[in-house]
Structure formats: C-alpha cells, structure tokens
Amino acid sequence: MFINELNVEAIEITPKLIRYKCPVCFTKYNKNGEPSKRAKNVIHIHGNEEHSARNRITGRSHHNNQYSNIGYNNVCIHITDKTLRKDF
C-alpha cells in the first residue's frame, strides 16, 4: 500500500548527509510482521544535495516496508531550526 506523502523532521544535517527518524520502519520485527516491543525507529540517511545548512523542505522517495507493506510515494524532509547542524 502506498500513501501519497510522509512529512518528517530531519534530526541532523551535515554538508553531505541528512538524517531522519522514520515512523514506518523499525529495527526489529516479530515473525508475524509486527514491530518488536524493543524495536526502535530506523534512522534513514540521504544525501544533502545542496551541501547547505539552510532551513528547507527536501523530497525523497520511500520504499515499501517488507513487513507492513506501507510505503510512501514521497517523503518530505523538513530541515528546521530544531535540526542539529554538524560540521558546518
């Protein structure tokens, strides 16, 4: 199942990378496909195409999660004042 859009806030940005915590993907799953009680959300890493630290919204595509079959056509990553800047 694909949902049109997912909005997330970047947790960290460097000149080369953007990191965000995915609300769909987990680190551990049970045999029935449910996330484990001790599972954490996966942190996805994408390239910082602008190599800048400025606030903006950047888009990426998201693949289906093999366990929950949820995917998004577009992920909007919001780089805000709350986003940690490193190495700038």
PDB file of N, CA and C in Angstrom:
ATOM      1  N   MET A   1       0.849  -1.181   0.000  1.00  0.00           N
ATOM      2  CA  MET A   1       0.000   0.000   0.000  1.00  0.00           C
ATOM      3  C   MET A   1       0.887   1.234   0.000  1.00  0.00           C
ATOM      4  N   PHE A   2       0.648   2.137  -0.930  1.00  0.00           N
ATOM      5  CA  PHE A   2       1.399   3.381  -0.972  1.00  0.00           C
ATOM      6  C   PHE A   2       0.499   4.534  -0.556  1.00  0.00           C
ATOM      7  N   ILE A   3       1.006   5.361   0.316  1.00  0.00           N
ATOM      8  CA  ILE A   3       0.341   6.581   0.750  1.00  0.00           C
ATOM      9  C   ILE A   3       1.071   7.719   0.046  1.00  0.00           C
ATOM     10  N   ASN A   4       0.387   8.758  -0.307  1.00  0.00           N
ATOM     11  CA  ASN A   4       0.963   9.792  -1.144  1.00  0.00           C
ATOM     12  C   ASN A   4       2.175  10.486  -0.534  1.00  0.00           C
ATOM     13  N   GLU A   5       2.092  10.918   0.726  1.00  0.00           N
ATOM     14  CA  GLU A   5       3.174  11.751   1.251  1.00  0.00           C
ATOM     15  C   GLU A   5       3.378  11.532   2.739  1.00  0.00           C
ATOM     16  N   LEU A   6       4.631  11.572   3.157  1.00  0.00           N
ATOM     17  CA  LEU A   6       5.014  11.472   4.557  1.00  0.00           C
ATOM     18  C   LEU A   6       5.859  12.686   4.883  1.00  0.00           C
ATOM     19  N   ASN A   7       5.515  13.409   5.939  1.00  0.00           N
ATOM     20  CA  ASN A   7       6.289  14.563   6.384  1.00  0.00           C
ATOM     21  C   ASN A   7       7.057  14.192   7.638  1.00  0.00           C
ATOM     22  N   VAL A   8       8.373  14.401   7.612  1.00  0.00           N
ATOM     23  CA  VAL A   8       9.235  14.110   8.756  1.00  0.00           C
ATOM     24  C   VAL A   8      10.158  15.297   8.989  1.00  0.00           C
ATOM     25  N   GLU A   9      10.661  15.399  10.217  1.00  0.00           N
ATOM     26  CA  GLU A   9      11.617  16.447  10.546  1.00  0.00           C
ATOM     27  C   GLU A   9      13.009  15.842  10.607  1.00  0.00           C
ATOM     28  N   ALA A  10      13.960  16.469   9.947  1.00  0.00           N
ATOM     29  CA  ALA A  10      15.343  15.996   9.984  1.00  0.00           C
ATOM     30  C   ALA A  10      15.875  16.134  11.406  1.00  0.00           C
ATOM     31  N   ILE A  11      16.607  15.113  11.866  1.00  0.00           N
ATOM     32  CA  ILE A  11      17.195  15.206  13.198  1.00  0.00           C
ATOM     33  C   ILE A  11      18.621  15.737  13.142  1.00  0.00           C
ATOM     34  N   GLU A  12      19.275  15.566  11.972  1.00  0.00           N
ATOM     35  CA  GLU A  12      20.656  16.036  11.845  1.00  0.00           C
ATOM     36  C   GLU A  12      20.971  16.302  10.379  1.00  0.00           C
ATOM     37  N   ILE A  13      21.791  17.321  10.146  1.00  0.00           N
ATOM     38  CA  ILE A  13      22.241  17.635   8.795  1.00  0.00           C
ATOM     39  C   ILE A  13      23.735  17.952   8.835  1.00  0.00           C
ATOM     40  N   THR A  14      24.458  17.441   7.843  1.00  0.00           N
ATOM     41  CA  THR A  14      25.877  17.751   7.645  1.00  0.00           C
ATOM     42  C   THR A  14      26.016  18.258   6.212  1.00  0.00           C
ATOM     43  N   PRO A  15      27.184  18.715   5.810  1.00  0.00           N
ATOM     44  CA  PRO A  15      27.335  19.152   4.422  1.00  0.00           C
ATOM     45  C   PRO A  15      27.034  18.044   3.398  1.00  0.00           C
ATOM     46  N   LYS A  16      27.150  16.781   3.802  1.00  0.00           N
ATOM     47  CA  LYS A  16      26.928  15.681   2.869  1.00  0.00           C
ATOM     48  C   LYS A  16      25.650  14.884   3.123  1.00  0.00           C
ATOM     49  N   LEU A  17      25.124  14.862   4.363  1.00  0.00           N
ATOM     50  CA  LEU A  17      24.043  13.951   4.720  1.00  0.00           C
ATOM     51  C   LEU A  17      22.895  14.616   5.464  1.00  0.00           C
ATOM     52  N   ILE A  18      21.701  14.016   5.327  1.00  0.00           N
ATOM     53  CA  ILE A  18      20.516  14.398   6.093  1.00  0.00           C
ATOM     54  C   ILE A  18      20.014  13.120   6.759  1.00  0.00           C
ATOM     55  N   ARG A  19      19.752  13.184   8.065  1.00  0.00           N
ATOM     56  CA  ARG A  19      19.241  12.019   8.791  1.00  0.00           C
ATOM     57  C   ARG A  19      17.859  12.344   9.352  1.00  0.00           C
ATOM     58  N   TYR A  20      16.957  11.342   9.265  1.00  0.00           N
ATOM     59  CA  TYR A  20      15.643  11.497   9.882  1.00  0.00           C
ATOM     60  C   TYR A  20      15.167  10.158  10.415  1.00  0.00           C
ATOM     61  N   LYS A  21      14.337  10.221  11.459  1.00  0.00           N
ATOM     62  CA  LYS A  21      13.769   9.025  12.072  1.00  0.00           C
ATOM     63  C   LYS A  21      12.483   8.672  11.338  1.00  0.00           C
ATOM     64  N   CYS A  22      12.416   7.445  10.820  1.00  0.00           N
ATOM     65  CA  CYS A  22      11.262   7.008  10.030  1.00  0.00           C
ATOM     66  C   CYS A  22      10.174   6.441  10.940  1.00  0.00           C
ATOM     67  N   PRO A  23       8.949   6.940  10.848  1.00  0.00           N
ATOM     68  CA  PRO A  23       7.863   6.412  11.675  1.00  0.00           C
ATOM     69  C   PRO A  23       7.319   5.074  11.173  1.00  0.00           C
ATOM     70  N   VAL A  24       7.771   4.600  10.005  1.00  0.00           N
ATOM     71  CA  VAL A  24       7.257   3.376   9.395  1.00  0.00           C
ATOM     72  C   VAL A  24       8.195   2.184   9.590  1.00  0.00           C
ATOM     73  N   CYS A  25       9.502   2.406   9.549  1.00  0.00           N
ATOM     74  CA  CYS A  25      10.488   1.322   9.583  1.00  0.00           C
ATOM     75  C   CYS A  25      11.055   1.130  10.996  1.00  0.00           C
ATOM     76  N   PHE A  26      11.187  -0.135  11.404  1.00  0.00           N
ATOM     77  CA  PHE A  26      11.697  -0.471  12.736  1.00  0.00           C
ATOM     78  C   PHE A  26      12.921  -1.374  12.631  1.00  0.00           C
ATOM     79  N   THR A  27      13.716  -1.407  13.689  1.00  0.00           N
ATOM     80  CA  THR A  27      14.958  -2.180  13.690  1.00  0.00           C
ATOM     81  C   THR A  27      14.737  -3.664  13.857  1.00  0.00           C
ATOM     82  N   LYS A  28      13.608  -4.078  14.436  1.00  0.00           N
ATOM     83  CA  LYS A  28      13.365  -5.487  14.741  1.00  0.00           C
ATOM     84  C   LYS A  28      11.893  -5.806  14.563  1.00  0.00           C
ATOM     85  N   TYR A  29      11.610  -6.978  13.959  1.00  0.00           N
ATOM     86  CA  TYR A  29      10.234  -7.403  13.746  1.00  0.00           C
ATOM     87  C   TYR A  29      10.031  -8.813  14.292  1.00  0.00           C
ATOM     88  N   ASN A  30       8.819  -9.088  14.738  1.00  0.00           N
ATOM     89  CA  ASN A  30       8.438 -10.441  15.145  1.00  0.00           C
ATOM     90  C   ASN A  30       8.118 -11.265  13.900  1.00  0.00           C
ATOM     91  N   LYS A  31       7.978 -12.562  14.064  1.00  0.00           N
ATOM     92  CA  LYS A  31       7.668 -13.445  12.935  1.00  0.00           C
ATOM     93  C   LYS A  31       6.342 -13.100  12.267  1.00  0.00           C
ATOM     94  N   ASN A  32       5.422 -12.519  13.031  1.00  0.00           N
ATOM     95  CA  ASN A  32       4.115 -12.162  12.465  1.00  0.00           C
ATOM     96  C   ASN A  32       4.142 -10.821  11.719  1.00  0.00           C
ATOM     97  N   GLY A  33       5.294 -10.174  11.659  1.00  0.00           N
ATOM     98  CA  GLY A  33       5.424  -8.917  10.930  1.00  0.00           C
ATOM     99  C   GLY A  33       5.230  -7.671  11.767  1.00  0.00           C
ATOM    100  N   GLU A  34       4.831  -7.837  13.019  1.00  0.00           N
ATOM    101  CA  GLU A  34       4.657  -6.682  13.910  1.00  0.00           C
ATOM    102  C   GLU A  34       6.024  -6.236  14.444  1.00  0.00           C
ATOM    103  N   PRO A  35       6.203  -4.932  14.673  1.00  0.00           N
ATOM    104  CA  PRO A  35       7.463  -4.478  15.272  1.00  0.00           C
ATOM    105  C   PRO A  35       7.628  -5.073  16.675  1.00  0.00           C
ATOM    106  N   SER A  36       8.834  -5.459  17.012  1.00  0.00           N
ATOM    107  CA  SER A  36       9.141  -5.973  18.342  1.00  0.00           C
ATOM    108  C   SER A  36       8.924  -4.874  19.377  1.00  0.00           C
ATOM    109  N   LYS A  37       8.606  -5.272  20.607  1.00  0.00           N
ATOM    110  CA  LYS A  37       8.393  -4.282  21.679  1.00  0.00           C
ATOM    111  C   LYS A  37       9.648  -3.449  21.935  1.00  0.00           C
ATOM    112  N   ARG A  38      10.812  -4.024  21.718  1.00  0.00           N
ATOM    113  CA  ARG A  38      12.079  -3.316  21.958  1.00  0.00           C
ATOM    114  C   ARG A  38      12.624  -2.634  20.707  1.00  0.00           C
ATOM    115  N   ALA A  39      11.900  -2.718  19.617  1.00  0.00           N
ATOM    116  CA  ALA A  39      12.359  -2.129  18.355  1.00  0.00           C
ATOM    117  C   ALA A  39      12.376  -0.609  18.442  1.00  0.00           C
ATOM    118  N   LYS A  40      13.302  -0.037  17.711  1.00  0.00           N
ATOM    119  CA  LYS A  40      13.402   1.418  17.598  1.00  0.00           C
ATOM    120  C   LYS A  40      13.120   1.790  16.149  1.00  0.00           C
ATOM    121  N   ASN A  41      12.736   3.021  15.954  1.00  0.00           N
ATOM    122  CA  ASN A  41      12.538   3.502  14.586  1.00  0.00           C
ATOM    123  C   ASN A  41      13.893   3.599  13.886  1.00  0.00           C
ATOM    124  N   VAL A  42      13.914   3.229  12.619  1.00  0.00           N
ATOM    125  CA  VAL A  42      15.130   3.300  11.824  1.00  0.00           C
ATOM    126  C   VAL A  42      15.433   4.754  11.489  1.00  0.00           C
ATOM    127  N   ILE A  43      16.708   5.104  11.512  1.00  0.00           N
ATOM    128  CA  ILE A  43      17.143   6.427  11.074  1.00  0.00           C
ATOM    129  C   ILE A  43      17.644   6.277   9.643  1.00  0.00           C
ATOM    130  N   HIS A  44      16.947   6.917   8.713  1.00  0.00           N
ATOM    131  CA  HIS A  44      17.342   6.886   7.302  1.00  0.00           C
ATOM    132  C   HIS A  44      18.329   8.016   7.036  1.00  0.00           C
ATOM    133  N   ILE A  45      19.225   7.770   6.105  1.00  0.00           N
ATOM    134  CA  ILE A  45      20.255   8.750   5.741  1.00  0.00           C
ATOM    135  C   ILE A  45      20.158   9.010   4.244  1.00  0.00           C
ATOM    136  N   HIS A  46      20.089  10.267   3.885  1.00  0.00           N
ATOM    137  CA  HIS A  46      20.058  10.675   2.481  1.00  0.00           C
ATOM    138  C   HIS A  46      21.119  11.737   2.255  1.00  0.00           C
ATOM    139  N   GLY A  47      21.461  11.947   1.014  1.00  0.00           N
ATOM    140  CA  GLY A  47      22.445  12.968   0.669  1.00  0.00           C
ATOM    141  C   GLY A  47      21.883  14.373   0.798  1.00  0.00           C
ATOM    142  N   ASN A  48      22.754  15.307   1.139  1.00  0.00           N
ATOM    143  CA  ASN A  48      22.403  16.722   1.217  1.00  0.00           C
ATOM    144  C   ASN A  48      22.800  17.353  -0.117  1.00  0.00           C
ATOM    145  N   GLU A  49      21.872  17.372  -1.050  1.00  0.00           N
ATOM    146  CA  GLU A  49      22.168  17.800  -2.412  1.00  0.00           C
ATOM    147  C   GLU A  49      22.624  19.246  -2.511  1.00  0.00           C
ATOM    148  N   GLU A  50      22.220  20.079  -1.557  1.00  0.00           N
ATOM    149  CA  GLU A  50      22.617  21.496  -1.582  1.00  0.00           C
ATOM    150  C   GLU A  50      23.915  21.744  -0.823  1.00  0.00           C
ATOM    151  N   HIS A  51      24.331  20.800  -0.011  1.00  0.00           N
ATOM    152  CA  HIS A  51      25.515  20.951   0.851  1.00  0.00           C
ATOM    153  C   HIS A  51      25.400  22.186   1.743  1.00  0.00           C
ATOM    154  N   SER A  52      24.163  22.581   2.057  1.00  0.00           N
ATOM    155  CA  SER A  52      23.944  23.768   2.879  1.00  0.00           C
ATOM    156  C   SER A  52      23.194  23.406   4.151  1.00  0.00           C
ATOM    157  N   ALA A  53      23.229  24.321   5.105  1.00  0.00           N
ATOM    158  CA  ALA A  53      22.559  24.111   6.383  1.00  0.00           C
ATOM    159  C   ALA A  53      21.242  24.876   6.472  1.00  0.00           C
ATOM    160  N   ARG A  54      20.825  25.495   5.397  1.00  0.00           N
ATOM    161  CA  ARG A  54      19.632  26.358   5.459  1.00  0.00           C
ATOM    162  C   ARG A  54      18.358  25.542   5.674  1.00  0.00           C
ATOM    163  N   ASN A  55      17.384  26.162   6.317  1.00  0.00           N
ATOM    164  CA  ASN A  55      16.078  25.535   6.525  1.00  0.00           C
ATOM    165  C   ASN A  55      15.376  25.393   5.177  1.00  0.00           C
ATOM    166  N   ARG A  56      14.771  24.219   4.979  1.00  0.00           N
ATOM    167  CA  ARG A  56      14.067  23.962   3.729  1.00  0.00           C
ATOM    168  C   ARG A  56      13.312  22.641   3.837  1.00  0.00           C
ATOM    169  N   ILE A  57      12.571  22.315   2.807  1.00  0.00           N
ATOM    170  CA  ILE A  57      11.929  21.008   2.687  1.00  0.00           C
ATOM    171  C   ILE A  57      12.523  20.347   1.448  1.00  0.00           C
ATOM    172  N   THR A  58      13.018  19.143   1.628  1.00  0.00           N
ATOM    173  CA  THR A  58      13.589  18.396   0.514  1.00  0.00           C
ATOM    174  C   THR A  58      12.844  17.075   0.377  1.00  0.00           C
ATOM    175  N   GLY A  59      12.669  16.602  -0.819  1.00  0.00           N
ATOM    176  CA  GLY A  59      11.879  15.399  -1.051  1.00  0.00           C
ATOM    177  C   GLY A  59      12.714  14.194  -1.421  1.00  0.00           C
ATOM    178  N   ARG A  60      12.268  13.041  -1.001  1.00  0.00           N
ATOM    179  CA  ARG A  60      12.886  11.758  -1.336  1.00  0.00           C
ATOM    180  C   ARG A  60      11.782  10.730  -1.535  1.00  0.00           C
ATOM    181  N   SER A  61      12.110   9.632  -2.184  1.00  0.00           N
ATOM    182  CA  SER A  61      11.136   8.551  -2.306  1.00  0.00           C
ATOM    183  C   SER A  61      11.378   7.552  -1.184  1.00  0.00           C
ATOM    184  N   HIS A  62      10.370   6.756  -0.885  1.00  0.00           N
ATOM    185  CA  HIS A  62      10.427   5.788   0.211  1.00  0.00           C
ATOM    186  C   HIS A  62      10.029   4.434  -0.340  1.00  0.00           C
ATOM    187  N   HIS A  63      10.771   3.405  -0.003  1.00  0.00           N
ATOM    188  CA  HIS A  63      10.461   2.057  -0.466  1.00  0.00           C
ATOM    189  C   HIS A  63       9.450   1.405   0.460  1.00  0.00           C
ATOM    190  N   ASN A  64       8.727   0.429  -0.051  1.00  0.00           N
ATOM    191  CA  ASN A  64       7.798  -0.335   0.779  1.00  0.00           C
ATOM    192  C   ASN A  64       8.536  -0.983   1.941  1.00  0.00           C
ATOM    193  N   ASN A  65       7.900  -0.988   3.085  1.00  0.00           N
ATOM    194  CA  ASN A  65       8.412  -1.724   4.226  1.00  0.00           C
ATOM    195  C   ASN A  65       7.984  -3.173   4.037  1.00  0.00           C
ATOM    196  N   GLN A  66       8.938  -4.109   4.015  1.00  0.00           N
ATOM    197  CA  GLN A  66       8.616  -5.503   3.698  1.00  0.00           C
ATOM    198  C   GLN A  66       7.700  -6.162   4.720  1.00  0.00           C
ATOM    199  N   TYR A  67       7.648  -5.643   5.932  1.00  0.00           N
ATOM    200  CA  TYR A  67       6.817  -6.264   6.964  1.00  0.00           C
ATOM    201  C   TYR A  67       5.414  -5.689   7.006  1.00  0.00           C
ATOM    202  N   SER A  68       5.296  -4.388   6.879  1.00  0.00           N
ATOM    203  CA  SER A  68       3.971  -3.785   6.995  1.00  0.00           C
ATOM    204  C   SER A  68       3.364  -3.423   5.647  1.00  0.00           C
ATOM    205  N   ASN A  69       4.166  -3.527   4.569  1.00  0.00           N
ATOM    206  CA  ASN A  69       3.707  -3.174   3.227  1.00  0.00           C
ATOM    207  C   ASN A  69       3.200  -1.737   3.129  1.00  0.00           C
ATOM    208  N   ILE A  70       3.753  -0.866   3.944  1.00  0.00           N
ATOM    209  CA  ILE A  70       3.405   0.552   3.857  1.00  0.00           C
ATOM    210  C   ILE A  70       4.581   1.278   3.217  1.00  0.00           C
ATOM    211  N   GLY A  71       4.285   2.084   2.246  1.00  0.00           N
ATOM    212  CA  GLY A  71       5.309   2.882   1.599  1.00  0.00           C
ATOM    213  C   GLY A  71       4.741   4.236   1.249  1.00  0.00           C
ATOM    214  N   TYR A  72       5.607   5.142   0.881  1.00  0.00           N
ATOM    215  CA  TYR A  72       5.185   6.490   0.547  1.00  0.00           C
ATOM    216  C   TYR A  72       5.771   6.862  -0.798  1.00  0.00           C
ATOM    217  N   ASN A  73       4.978   7.509  -1.628  1.00  0.00           N
ATOM    218  CA  ASN A  73       5.487   7.984  -2.904  1.00  0.00           C
ATOM    219  C   ASN A  73       6.529   9.066  -2.697  1.00  0.00           C
ATOM    220  N   ASN A  74       6.347   9.880  -1.678  1.00  0.00           N
ATOM    221  CA  ASN A  74       7.259  10.986  -1.440  1.00  0.00           C
ATOM    222  C   ASN A  74       7.424  11.205   0.057  1.00  0.00           C
ATOM    223  N   VAL A  75       8.648  11.403   0.481  1.00  0.00           N
ATOM    224  CA  VAL A  75       8.939  11.778   1.862  1.00  0.00           C
ATOM    225  C   VAL A  75       9.420  13.217   1.827  1.00  0.00           C
ATOM    226  N   CYS A  76       8.754  14.087   2.570  1.00  0.00           N
ATOM    227  CA  CYS A  76       9.153  15.487   2.673  1.00  0.00           C
ATOM    228  C   CYS A  76       9.941  15.644   3.968  1.00  0.00           C
ATOM    229  N   ILE A  77      11.236  15.897   3.821  1.00  0.00           N
ATOM    230  CA  ILE A  77      12.110  16.048   4.978  1.00  0.00           C
ATOM    231  C   ILE A  77      12.211  17.534   5.282  1.00  0.00           C
ATOM    232  N   HIS A  78      11.749  17.911   6.465  1.00  0.00           N
ATOM    233  CA  HIS A  78      11.754  19.312   6.884  1.00  0.00           C
ATOM    234  C   HIS A  78      13.028  19.590   7.680  1.00  0.00           C
ATOM    235  N   ILE A  79      13.844  20.495   7.173  1.00  0.00           N
ATOM    236  CA  ILE A  79      15.038  20.941   7.889  1.00  0.00           C
ATOM    237  C   ILE A  79      14.649  22.256   8.543  1.00  0.00           C
ATOM    238  N   THR A  80      14.613  22.238   9.884  1.00  0.00           N
ATOM    239  CA  THR A  80      14.095  23.365  10.650  1.00  0.00           C
ATOM    240  C   THR A  80      15.148  23.871  11.635  1.00  0.00           C
ATOM    241  N   ASP A  81      14.751  24.843  12.450  1.00  0.00           N
ATOM    242  CA  ASP A  81      15.652  25.358  13.484  1.00  0.00           C
ATOM    243  C   ASP A  81      15.981  24.297  14.527  1.00  0.00           C
ATOM    244  N   LYS A  82      15.126  23.275  14.664  1.00  0.00           N
ATOM    245  CA  LYS A  82      15.363  22.199  15.625  1.00  0.00           C
ATOM    246  C   LYS A  82      16.388  21.175  15.129  1.00  0.00           C
ATOM    247  N   THR A  83      16.664  21.169  13.823  1.00  0.00           N
ATOM    248  CA  THR A  83      17.588  20.203  13.229  1.00  0.00           C
ATOM    249  C   THR A  83      19.017  20.506  13.669  1.00  0.00           C
ATOM    250  N   LEU A  84      19.704  19.480  14.153  1.00  0.00           N
ATOM    251  CA  LEU A  84      21.099  19.613  14.587  1.00  0.00           C
ATOM    252  C   LEU A  84      21.994  19.789  13.377  1.00  0.00           C
ATOM    253  N   ARG A  85      22.840  20.828  13.393  1.00  0.00           N
ATOM    254  CA  ARG A  85      23.808  21.065  12.316  1.00  0.00           C
ATOM    255  C   ARG A  85      25.178  20.609  12.780  1.00  0.00           C
ATOM    256  N   LYS A  86      25.854  19.800  11.961  1.00  0.00           N
ATOM    257  CA  LYS A  86      27.191  19.306  12.293  1.00  0.00           C
ATOM    258  C   LYS A  86      28.160  19.608  11.146  1.00  0.00           C
ATOM    259  N   ASP A  87      29.365  19.994  11.497  1.00  0.00           N
ATOM    260  CA  ASP A  87      30.463  20.177  10.545  1.00  0.00           C
ATOM    261  C   ASP A  87      30.262  21.321   9.555  1.00  0.00           C
ATOM    262  N   PHE A  88      29.471  22.314   9.934  1.00  0.00           N
ATOM    263  CA  PHE A  88      29.339  23.490   9.071  1.00  0.00           C
ATOM    264  C   PHE A  88      30.228  24.594   9.591  1.00  0.00           C
TER     265      PHE A  88
END
